[in-house]
Amino acid sequence: MLCINSTKFGEIIIDGKKYQQVLIVGDSVSERDSQRLEKLFNTTHKIAEWEIDSLFQKNPEIILIGTGQDGMLEVSKDLLEKVKKANIELITDFTPKIVEIYNEKNKAGKQVNALIHTTC
């Protein structure tokens, strides 16, 4: 079971390992592909289709979106529609709050996937 230790601007520490921005699917943690996002959107403040697809892998009960320290990450209508159709709980909030929620839900045994933006 993963544990998010802490987050601050531009950083998140999960099980003692430092990342910048992450996609958590089950027990797998991967860095968001910032270069690919920048090329596609000119920002990392949007969620790409491949990230949305990843969030639905491994049958999550809950999808969490950490919108950054200041809430600048945009949650697309496509993601909102997919979550509704799949009847999956979606929680979006500032990243520090999502870290708390992730640890709480994970500890309770829930299947949680998350996309966590750590800057703005």
Protein backbone atom coordinates (compact mmCIF):
# COMPACT_ATOMS: atom_id res chain seq x y z
CA MET A 1 0.00 0.00 0.00
CA LEU A 2 1.41 3.37 -1.03
CA CYS A 3 1.74 6.28 1.36
CA ILE A 4 2.18 9.87 0.29
CA ASN A 5 4.62 11.34 2.77
CA SER A 6 4.43 15.01 1.80
CA THR A 7 3.99 17.59 -0.92
CA LYS A 8 5.17 21.10 -1.58
CA PHE A 9 5.43 23.29 -4.66
CA GLY A 10 6.88 21.16 -7.47
CA GLU A 11 7.39 18.05 -5.33
CA ILE A 12 5.62 15.05 -3.90
CA ILE A 13 7.21 12.31 -1.81
CA ILE A 14 5.67 8.84 -1.99
CA ASP A 15 7.09 6.01 0.12
CA GLY A 16 10.22 8.12 0.61
CA LYS A 17 10.83 8.69 -3.12
CA LYS A 18 10.69 12.22 -4.58
CA TYR A 19 8.64 12.97 -7.71
CA GLN A 20 7.53 16.14 -9.49
CA GLN A 21 3.98 15.36 -10.65
CA VAL A 22 2.48 11.89 -10.59
CA LEU A 23 -0.10 9.51 -11.90
CA ILE A 24 -0.95 6.77 -9.40
CA VAL A 25 -2.71 3.68 -10.75
CA GLY A 26 -3.15 0.97 -8.14
CA ASP A 27 0.27 0.54 -6.52
CA SER A 28 2.12 2.00 -9.50
CA VAL A 29 3.51 5.54 -9.45
CA SER A 30 4.73 7.26 -12.61
CA GLU A 31 5.83 10.79 -13.39
CA ARG A 32 3.49 12.79 -15.56
CA ASP A 33 5.06 13.31 -18.99
CA SER A 34 5.65 17.05 -18.64
CA GLN A 35 7.44 17.38 -21.98
CA ARG A 36 4.61 15.67 -23.84
CA LEU A 37 2.01 17.81 -22.02
CA GLU A 38 3.95 21.00 -22.80
CA LYS A 39 4.16 20.00 -26.45
CA LEU A 40 0.42 19.23 -26.62
CA PHE A 41 -1.01 22.04 -24.45
CA ASN A 42 1.90 24.46 -23.80
CA THR A 43 1.26 23.77 -20.11
CA THR A 44 1.03 20.97 -17.56
CA HIS A 45 -2.19 22.50 -16.20
CA LYS A 46 -4.34 20.19 -18.35
CA ILE A 47 -5.01 16.47 -18.26
CA ALA A 48 -4.25 14.54 -21.44
CA GLU A 49 -6.43 11.77 -22.88
CA TRP A 50 -3.77 9.13 -22.15
CA GLU A 51 -3.78 10.21 -18.50
CA ILE A 52 -7.56 9.98 -18.33
CA ASP A 53 -7.38 6.47 -19.80
CA SER A 54 -4.79 5.50 -17.18
CA LEU A 55 -6.97 6.78 -14.33
CA PHE A 56 -9.64 4.23 -15.28
CA GLN A 57 -7.28 1.23 -15.23
CA LYS A 58 -7.46 -1.39 -12.46
CA ASN A 59 -11.13 -0.68 -11.61
CA PRO A 60 -10.83 2.26 -9.20
CA GLU A 61 -13.60 3.04 -6.74
CA ILE A 62 -12.31 6.60 -6.44
CA ILE A 63 -10.33 8.91 -8.70
CA LEU A 64 -8.53 11.81 -7.04
CA ILE A 65 -7.25 14.88 -8.85
CA GLY A 66 -4.79 17.13 -7.04
CA THR A 67 -5.22 20.45 -8.85
CA GLY A 68 -1.95 21.95 -7.58
CA GLN A 69 -0.95 24.14 -4.68
CA ASP A 70 -3.13 26.98 -6.06
CA GLY A 71 -5.71 24.88 -7.97
CA MET A 72 -4.61 25.73 -11.52
CA LEU A 73 -4.98 22.24 -13.07
CA GLU A 74 -8.06 22.08 -15.29
CA VAL A 75 -10.39 19.10 -14.95
CA SER A 76 -11.83 18.44 -18.40
CA LYS A 77 -15.46 17.82 -19.25
CA ASP A 78 -14.33 14.55 -20.85
CA LEU A 79 -13.03 13.30 -17.51
CA LEU A 80 -16.19 14.42 -15.70
CA GLU A 81 -18.39 12.60 -18.23
CA LYS A 82 -16.34 9.39 -18.11
CA VAL A 83 -16.43 9.31 -14.31
CA LYS A 84 -20.19 9.82 -14.29
CA LYS A 85 -20.76 7.05 -16.87
CA ALA A 86 -18.50 4.65 -14.98
CA ASN A 87 -20.16 5.47 -11.65
CA ILE A 88 -16.80 6.19 -10.01
CA GLU A 89 -16.40 8.74 -7.23
CA LEU A 90 -14.32 11.74 -8.29
CA ILE A 91 -12.72 14.07 -5.77
CA THR A 92 -10.82 17.16 -6.90
CA ASP A 93 -9.14 19.61 -4.55
CA PHE A 94 -5.90 21.45 -3.92
CA THR A 95 -2.99 19.02 -3.84
CA PRO A 96 -2.28 19.17 -0.07
CA LYS A 97 -5.89 18.20 0.66
CA ILE A 98 -5.86 15.42 -1.98
CA VAL A 99 -2.73 13.98 -0.32
CA GLU A 100 -4.65 13.71 2.97
CA ILE A 101 -7.66 12.17 1.23
CA TYR A 102 -5.48 9.71 -0.72
CA ASN A 103 -3.80 8.40 2.42
CA GLU A 104 -7.12 8.16 4.27
CA LYS A 105 -8.94 6.30 1.45
CA ASN A 106 -5.97 4.06 0.71
CA LYS A 107 -5.62 3.13 4.39
CA ALA A 108 -9.35 2.27 4.42
CA GLY A 109 -8.73 -0.27 1.64
CA LYS A 110 -10.35 1.66 -1.21
CA GLN A 111 -9.13 1.22 -4.79
CA VAL A 112 -7.82 4.73 -5.49
CA ASN A 113 -6.19 6.14 -8.61
CA ALA A 114 -4.88 9.69 -8.64
CA LEU A 115 -3.36 12.39 -10.79
CA ILE A 116 -1.44 14.86 -8.67
CA HIS A 117 -0.23 18.20 -10.02
CA THR A 118 2.25 19.82 -7.65
CA THR A 119 2.87 23.30 -9.00
CA CYS A 120 0.42 26.20 -9.38
